[in-house]
N, C-alpha and C. Protein backbone atom coordinates (compact mmCIF):
# COMPACT_ATOMS: atom_id res chain seq x y z
N MET A 1 -27.78 -8.00 15.26
CA MET A 1 -27.52 -7.88 16.67
C MET A 1 -26.42 -6.73 16.75
N PHE A 2 -26.54 -5.94 17.71
CA PHE A 2 -25.75 -4.87 18.03
C PHE A 2 -24.43 -5.33 18.79
N THR A 3 -23.27 -5.11 18.28
CA THR A 3 -21.98 -5.45 19.07
C THR A 3 -21.48 -3.97 19.34
N LYS A 4 -20.77 -3.87 20.53
CA LYS A 4 -20.25 -2.66 20.92
C LYS A 4 -18.75 -2.59 20.43
N ASN A 5 -18.36 -1.65 19.87
CA ASN A 5 -17.10 -1.33 19.20
C ASN A 5 -16.37 -0.48 20.20
N LYS A 6 -15.25 -1.10 20.90
CA LYS A 6 -14.65 -0.20 21.81
C LYS A 6 -13.98 1.10 21.39
N ASP A 7 -13.64 0.97 19.99
CA ASP A 7 -12.87 2.07 19.23
C ASP A 7 -13.83 3.13 18.87
N ARG A 8 -15.08 2.74 18.94
CA ARG A 8 -15.91 3.86 18.12
C ARG A 8 -16.14 5.02 19.20
N PRO A 9 -16.07 6.47 18.76
CA PRO A 9 -16.19 7.38 19.73
C PRO A 9 -17.71 7.51 20.00
N LEU A 10 -17.90 7.82 21.55
CA LEU A 10 -19.11 7.70 22.09
C LEU A 10 -19.43 8.92 23.15
N TYR A 11 -18.37 9.45 23.58
CA TYR A 11 -18.73 10.67 24.59
C TYR A 11 -17.95 11.83 24.12
N VAL A 12 -18.65 12.94 24.57
CA VAL A 12 -17.95 14.25 24.40
C VAL A 12 -17.30 14.61 25.57
N ILE A 13 -16.36 15.51 25.58
CA ILE A 13 -15.44 15.83 26.67
C ILE A 13 -16.09 16.08 28.00
N SER A 14 -17.24 16.85 28.00
CA SER A 14 -17.81 17.19 29.39
C SER A 14 -18.43 15.75 29.95
N VAL A 15 -18.78 14.90 29.31
CA VAL A 15 -19.25 13.69 29.72
C VAL A 15 -18.23 12.90 30.37
N VAL A 16 -17.18 12.78 29.63
CA VAL A 16 -15.88 11.96 30.01
C VAL A 16 -15.39 12.74 31.35
N ALA A 17 -15.24 13.97 31.37
CA ALA A 17 -14.67 14.58 32.54
C ALA A 17 -15.54 14.33 33.72
N GLU A 18 -16.82 14.44 33.55
CA GLU A 18 -17.79 14.02 34.78
C GLU A 18 -17.63 12.64 35.17
N MET A 19 -17.47 11.73 34.19
CA MET A 19 -17.31 10.26 34.44
C MET A 19 -16.16 9.98 35.38
N LEU A 20 -15.11 10.78 34.96
CA LEU A 20 -13.75 10.36 35.56
C LEU A 20 -13.42 11.22 36.83
N GLY A 21 -14.47 12.32 36.87
CA GLY A 21 -14.31 13.18 38.15
C GLY A 21 -13.08 14.22 38.05
N VAL A 22 -12.81 14.70 36.76
CA VAL A 22 -11.70 15.65 36.50
C VAL A 22 -12.16 16.85 35.72
N HIS A 23 -11.62 17.88 35.52
CA HIS A 23 -11.91 19.15 34.86
C HIS A 23 -11.80 18.66 33.52
N PRO A 24 -12.65 19.22 32.43
CA PRO A 24 -12.31 19.03 31.03
C PRO A 24 -10.97 19.61 30.61
N GLN A 25 -10.45 20.57 31.22
CA GLN A 25 -9.07 21.15 31.11
C GLN A 25 -7.94 20.17 31.26
N THR A 26 -8.10 19.03 32.23
CA THR A 26 -7.25 18.02 32.44
C THR A 26 -7.12 17.22 31.30
N LEU A 27 -8.45 16.85 30.72
CA LEU A 27 -8.28 16.02 29.30
C LEU A 27 -7.67 16.83 28.31
N ARG A 28 -7.94 17.98 28.00
CA ARG A 28 -7.32 18.72 27.03
C ARG A 28 -5.76 18.80 27.30
N LEU A 29 -5.42 18.91 28.50
CA LEU A 29 -3.85 18.86 28.95
C LEU A 29 -3.36 17.53 28.39
N TYR A 30 -3.93 16.44 28.93
CA TYR A 30 -3.51 15.06 28.43
C TYR A 30 -3.40 15.01 27.01
N GLU A 31 -4.30 15.51 26.17
CA GLU A 31 -4.12 15.52 24.72
C GLU A 31 -3.00 16.29 24.35
N ARG A 32 -2.94 17.38 24.81
CA ARG A 32 -1.90 18.30 24.28
C ARG A 32 -0.60 17.66 24.68
N GLU A 33 -0.28 16.97 25.76
CA GLU A 33 0.94 16.40 25.98
C GLU A 33 1.18 14.99 25.32
N GLY A 34 0.09 14.62 24.44
CA GLY A 34 0.01 13.40 23.72
C GLY A 34 0.00 12.08 24.36
N PHE A 35 -0.65 12.27 25.56
CA PHE A 35 -0.93 10.98 26.33
C PHE A 35 -2.23 10.39 25.55
N ILE A 36 -3.09 11.05 25.16
CA ILE A 36 -4.24 10.54 24.55
C ILE A 36 -4.54 11.23 23.18
N ALA A 37 -5.44 10.55 22.35
CA ALA A 37 -5.82 11.23 21.07
C ALA A 37 -7.12 10.96 20.73
N PRO A 38 -8.01 11.73 21.30
CA PRO A 38 -9.55 11.34 20.88
C PRO A 38 -9.73 11.70 19.52
N THR A 39 -10.71 10.97 18.88
CA THR A 39 -11.02 11.51 17.46
C THR A 39 -11.86 12.70 17.54
N ARG A 40 -11.99 13.23 16.39
CA ARG A 40 -12.77 14.59 16.23
C ARG A 40 -14.07 14.48 15.45
N SER A 41 -15.01 15.06 15.70
CA SER A 41 -16.15 15.02 14.87
C SER A 41 -16.64 16.68 14.93
N ASN A 42 -16.48 17.27 13.63
CA ASN A 42 -16.88 18.68 13.65
C ASN A 42 -16.19 19.61 14.88
N LYS A 43 -14.91 19.26 14.82
CA LYS A 43 -14.00 19.99 15.81
C LYS A 43 -14.39 19.68 17.32
N GLN A 44 -15.11 18.67 17.60
CA GLN A 44 -15.46 18.22 19.07
C GLN A 44 -14.76 16.90 19.16
N ARG A 45 -14.17 17.04 20.40
CA ARG A 45 -13.55 15.86 20.89
C ARG A 45 -14.52 14.68 21.16
N MET A 46 -14.15 13.39 20.65
CA MET A 46 -15.15 12.43 21.03
C MET A 46 -14.23 11.25 21.48
N TYR A 47 -14.60 10.75 22.59
CA TYR A 47 -13.82 9.65 23.34
C TYR A 47 -14.63 8.32 23.16
N SER A 48 -13.63 7.34 22.92
CA SER A 48 -14.13 6.06 23.06
C SER A 48 -14.12 5.27 24.33
N ASP A 49 -14.54 4.19 24.53
CA ASP A 49 -14.41 3.41 25.73
C ASP A 49 -12.93 2.97 25.90
N ASP A 50 -12.16 2.74 24.87
CA ASP A 50 -10.78 2.61 24.97
C ASP A 50 -9.95 3.67 25.33
N ASP A 51 -10.49 5.01 25.02
CA ASP A 51 -9.95 6.26 25.44
C ASP A 51 -10.19 6.44 27.08
N ILE A 52 -11.35 6.03 27.41
CA ILE A 52 -11.75 6.25 28.86
C ILE A 52 -10.95 5.32 29.53
N ASP A 53 -10.76 4.02 29.14
CA ASP A 53 -9.90 3.09 29.86
C ASP A 53 -8.40 3.72 30.14
N GLU A 54 -7.97 4.26 29.12
CA GLU A 54 -6.57 4.85 28.97
C GLU A 54 -6.58 6.02 29.88
N LEU A 55 -7.62 6.76 29.98
CA LEU A 55 -7.46 8.02 30.80
C LEU A 55 -7.58 7.54 32.36
N SER A 56 -8.41 6.58 32.62
CA SER A 56 -8.61 6.06 33.97
C SER A 56 -7.11 5.43 34.40
N PHE A 57 -6.39 4.75 33.49
CA PHE A 57 -5.15 4.26 33.85
C PHE A 57 -4.08 5.32 34.12
N ILE A 58 -4.25 6.54 33.37
CA ILE A 58 -3.46 7.73 33.65
C ILE A 58 -3.75 8.45 34.89
N LEU A 59 -4.94 8.45 35.18
CA LEU A 59 -5.36 9.16 36.29
C LEU A 59 -5.05 8.26 37.56
N ASN A 60 -5.13 7.04 37.56
CA ASN A 60 -4.58 6.19 38.62
C ASN A 60 -3.11 6.32 38.66
N LEU A 61 -2.26 6.42 37.76
CA LEU A 61 -0.86 6.56 37.96
C LEU A 61 -0.57 7.89 38.53
N THR A 62 -1.28 8.95 38.06
CA THR A 62 -0.93 10.41 38.68
C THR A 62 -1.48 10.56 40.03
N LYS A 63 -2.76 10.25 40.30
CA LYS A 63 -3.38 10.55 41.39
C LYS A 63 -2.96 9.65 42.64
N ASN A 64 -3.09 8.15 42.28
CA ASN A 64 -2.92 7.23 43.38
C ASN A 64 -1.50 6.75 43.59
N LEU A 65 -0.66 6.83 42.42
CA LEU A 65 0.78 6.46 42.48
C LEU A 65 1.83 7.57 42.39
N GLY A 66 1.40 8.63 42.13
CA GLY A 66 2.24 9.80 42.15
C GLY A 66 3.38 9.83 41.03
N VAL A 67 2.95 9.40 39.84
CA VAL A 67 3.56 9.31 38.74
C VAL A 67 3.65 10.74 38.10
N ASN A 68 4.61 11.25 37.65
CA ASN A 68 4.79 12.57 36.98
C ASN A 68 4.61 12.51 35.43
N LYS A 69 4.70 13.60 34.90
CA LYS A 69 4.74 13.60 33.33
C LYS A 69 5.89 12.80 32.83
N ALA A 70 7.07 13.02 33.47
CA ALA A 70 8.25 12.14 32.88
C ALA A 70 8.02 10.58 32.90
N GLY A 71 7.33 10.34 34.11
CA GLY A 71 7.11 8.89 34.25
C GLY A 71 6.10 8.35 33.28
N LEU A 72 5.11 9.30 33.01
CA LEU A 72 3.96 8.95 31.95
C LEU A 72 4.59 8.87 30.45
N GLU A 73 5.60 9.66 30.16
CA GLU A 73 6.22 9.65 29.05
C GLU A 73 7.02 8.32 28.85
N ILE A 74 7.42 7.53 29.91
CA ILE A 74 8.02 6.16 29.77
C ILE A 74 7.07 5.24 29.73
N ILE A 75 6.02 5.28 30.67
CA ILE A 75 5.09 4.06 31.14
C ILE A 75 4.09 3.89 29.92
N LEU A 76 3.46 5.07 29.41
CA LEU A 76 2.45 4.84 28.50
C LEU A 76 2.98 4.18 27.15
N PRO A 77 4.08 4.80 26.48
CA PRO A 77 4.60 4.12 25.24
C PRO A 77 4.92 2.58 25.58
N MET A 78 5.61 2.31 26.70
CA MET A 78 5.88 1.00 27.10
C MET A 78 4.58 0.00 27.08
N ARG A 79 3.55 0.63 27.81
CA ARG A 79 2.25 -0.14 27.92
C ARG A 79 1.78 -0.38 26.59
N ARG A 80 1.63 0.62 25.61
CA ARG A 80 1.14 0.40 24.34
C ARG A 80 2.03 -0.62 23.49
N ARG A 81 3.34 -0.71 23.72
CA ARG A 81 4.23 -1.71 23.08
C ARG A 81 3.82 -3.09 23.47
N MET A 82 3.67 -3.23 24.68
CA MET A 82 3.27 -4.43 25.42
C MET A 82 1.98 -4.87 24.84
N GLN A 83 1.06 -4.01 24.84
CA GLN A 83 -0.35 -4.44 24.28
C GLN A 83 -0.18 -4.79 22.86
N ALA A 84 0.53 -4.07 21.99
CA ALA A 84 0.86 -4.46 20.61
C ALA A 84 1.49 -5.81 20.53
N PHE A 85 2.42 -6.02 21.43
CA PHE A 85 3.03 -7.50 21.43
C PHE A 85 2.10 -8.53 21.71
N GLN A 86 1.19 -8.21 22.81
CA GLN A 86 0.15 -9.22 23.19
C GLN A 86 -0.84 -9.52 22.09
N ASP A 87 -1.13 -8.44 21.43
CA ASP A 87 -2.06 -8.67 20.26
C ASP A 87 -1.57 -9.49 19.07
N GLU A 88 -0.14 -9.33 18.93
CA GLU A 88 0.59 -10.08 17.87
C GLU A 88 0.66 -11.58 18.27
N MET A 89 0.83 -11.81 19.71
CA MET A 89 0.96 -12.95 20.27
C MET A 89 -0.38 -13.94 20.02
N GLU A 90 -1.47 -13.06 20.33
CA GLU A 90 -2.67 -13.84 20.17
C GLU A 90 -3.16 -13.99 18.63
N GLN A 91 -2.60 -13.41 17.64
CA GLN A 91 -2.85 -13.50 16.32
C GLN A 91 -1.84 -14.80 15.97
N PHE A 92 -0.62 -14.90 16.47
CA PHE A 92 0.25 -15.93 16.17
C PHE A 92 -0.30 -17.10 16.85
N MET A 93 -0.98 -17.22 17.90
CA MET A 93 -1.63 -18.28 18.49
C MET A 93 -2.71 -18.78 17.61
N VAL A 94 -3.51 -17.90 17.14
CA VAL A 94 -4.64 -18.38 16.20
C VAL A 94 -4.15 -18.96 14.86
N CYS A 95 -3.17 -18.36 14.33
CA CYS A 95 -2.30 -19.02 13.21
C CYS A 95 -1.79 -20.44 13.46
N LEU A 96 -1.19 -20.59 14.63
CA LEU A 96 -0.68 -21.99 15.11
C LEU A 96 -1.86 -22.90 15.16
N GLU A 97 -2.98 -22.50 15.75
CA GLU A 97 -4.12 -23.37 15.96
C GLU A 97 -4.56 -23.76 14.55
N ASP A 98 -4.71 -22.78 13.68
CA ASP A 98 -5.33 -23.27 12.44
C ASP A 98 -4.32 -24.09 11.76
N GLU A 99 -3.08 -23.92 11.80
CA GLU A 99 -2.03 -24.91 11.15
C GLU A 99 -2.13 -26.21 11.92
N TYR A 100 -2.27 -26.35 13.08
CA TYR A 100 -2.46 -27.60 13.83
C TYR A 100 -3.76 -28.41 13.34
N LYS A 101 -4.74 -27.51 13.23
CA LYS A 101 -6.08 -28.25 12.82
C LYS A 101 -5.87 -28.61 11.37
N LYS A 102 -5.32 -27.96 10.36
CA LYS A 102 -4.98 -28.42 9.19
C LYS A 102 -4.01 -29.74 9.11
N GLU A 103 -3.24 -29.75 10.01
CA GLU A 103 -2.34 -30.87 10.18
C GLU A 103 -3.16 -32.13 10.55
N LEU A 104 -3.88 -31.82 11.50
CA LEU A 104 -4.62 -33.09 12.13
C LEU A 104 -5.71 -33.48 10.94
N GLN A 105 -6.35 -32.46 10.28
CA GLN A 105 -7.20 -32.96 9.18
C GLN A 105 -6.44 -33.66 8.18
N GLU A 106 -5.24 -33.45 7.86
CA GLU A 106 -4.59 -33.97 6.72
C GLU A 106 -4.07 -35.46 7.24
N ARG A 107 -3.75 -35.55 8.61
CA ARG A 107 -3.47 -36.92 9.20
C ARG A 107 -4.73 -37.96 9.25
N LEU A 108 -5.84 -37.25 9.51
CA LEU A 108 -7.14 -38.03 9.55
C LEU A 108 -7.51 -38.50 8.17
N LYS A 109 -7.30 -37.73 7.29
CA LYS A 109 -7.51 -38.16 5.83
C LYS A 109 -6.66 -39.44 5.59
N ARG A 110 -5.27 -39.01 5.87
CA ARG A 110 -4.39 -40.14 5.44
C ARG A 110 -4.67 -41.54 6.35
N VAL A 111 -5.18 -41.59 7.48
CA VAL A 111 -5.54 -42.69 8.31
C VAL A 111 -6.72 -43.17 7.70
N LEU A 112 -7.89 -42.37 7.10
CA LEU A 112 -8.77 -42.90 6.48
C LEU A 112 -8.78 -43.72 5.26
N ARG A 113 -7.69 -43.00 4.58
CA ARG A 113 -7.21 -43.59 3.24
C ARG A 113 -6.86 -44.98 3.33
N GLU A 114 -5.91 -45.04 4.45
CA GLU A 114 -5.31 -46.26 4.68
C GLU A 114 -6.25 -47.21 5.29
N VAL A 115 -7.14 -46.94 5.93
CA VAL A 115 -8.14 -48.01 6.59
C VAL A 115 -8.85 -48.44 5.24
N LYS A 116 -9.27 -47.75 4.39
CA LYS A 116 -9.99 -48.24 3.21
C LYS A 116 -9.19 -49.25 2.46
């Protein structure tokens, strides 16, 4: 069964520019400024779904909320740090759940031994 990988490059710059309603030069500028980092395949920029989500976020900030370059330089790293923290917390919760399950299994084994 095919599962979609959001990190996998899927789109060339012209397609992404059309999808987002911007000129390809805008995307090149965002890359030059370090706001996005599409992968490259044979010197061609390739954008993933995650890249497009990030670009949509950037465009919303700049077009709809009036955020300038200096604002983006603050907001984007903060957003990435928050996402990394959230990912870490999710992993931590999985570990806690696993430990809790192990503890419950051990308790159950003890109870069953005591019942015999």
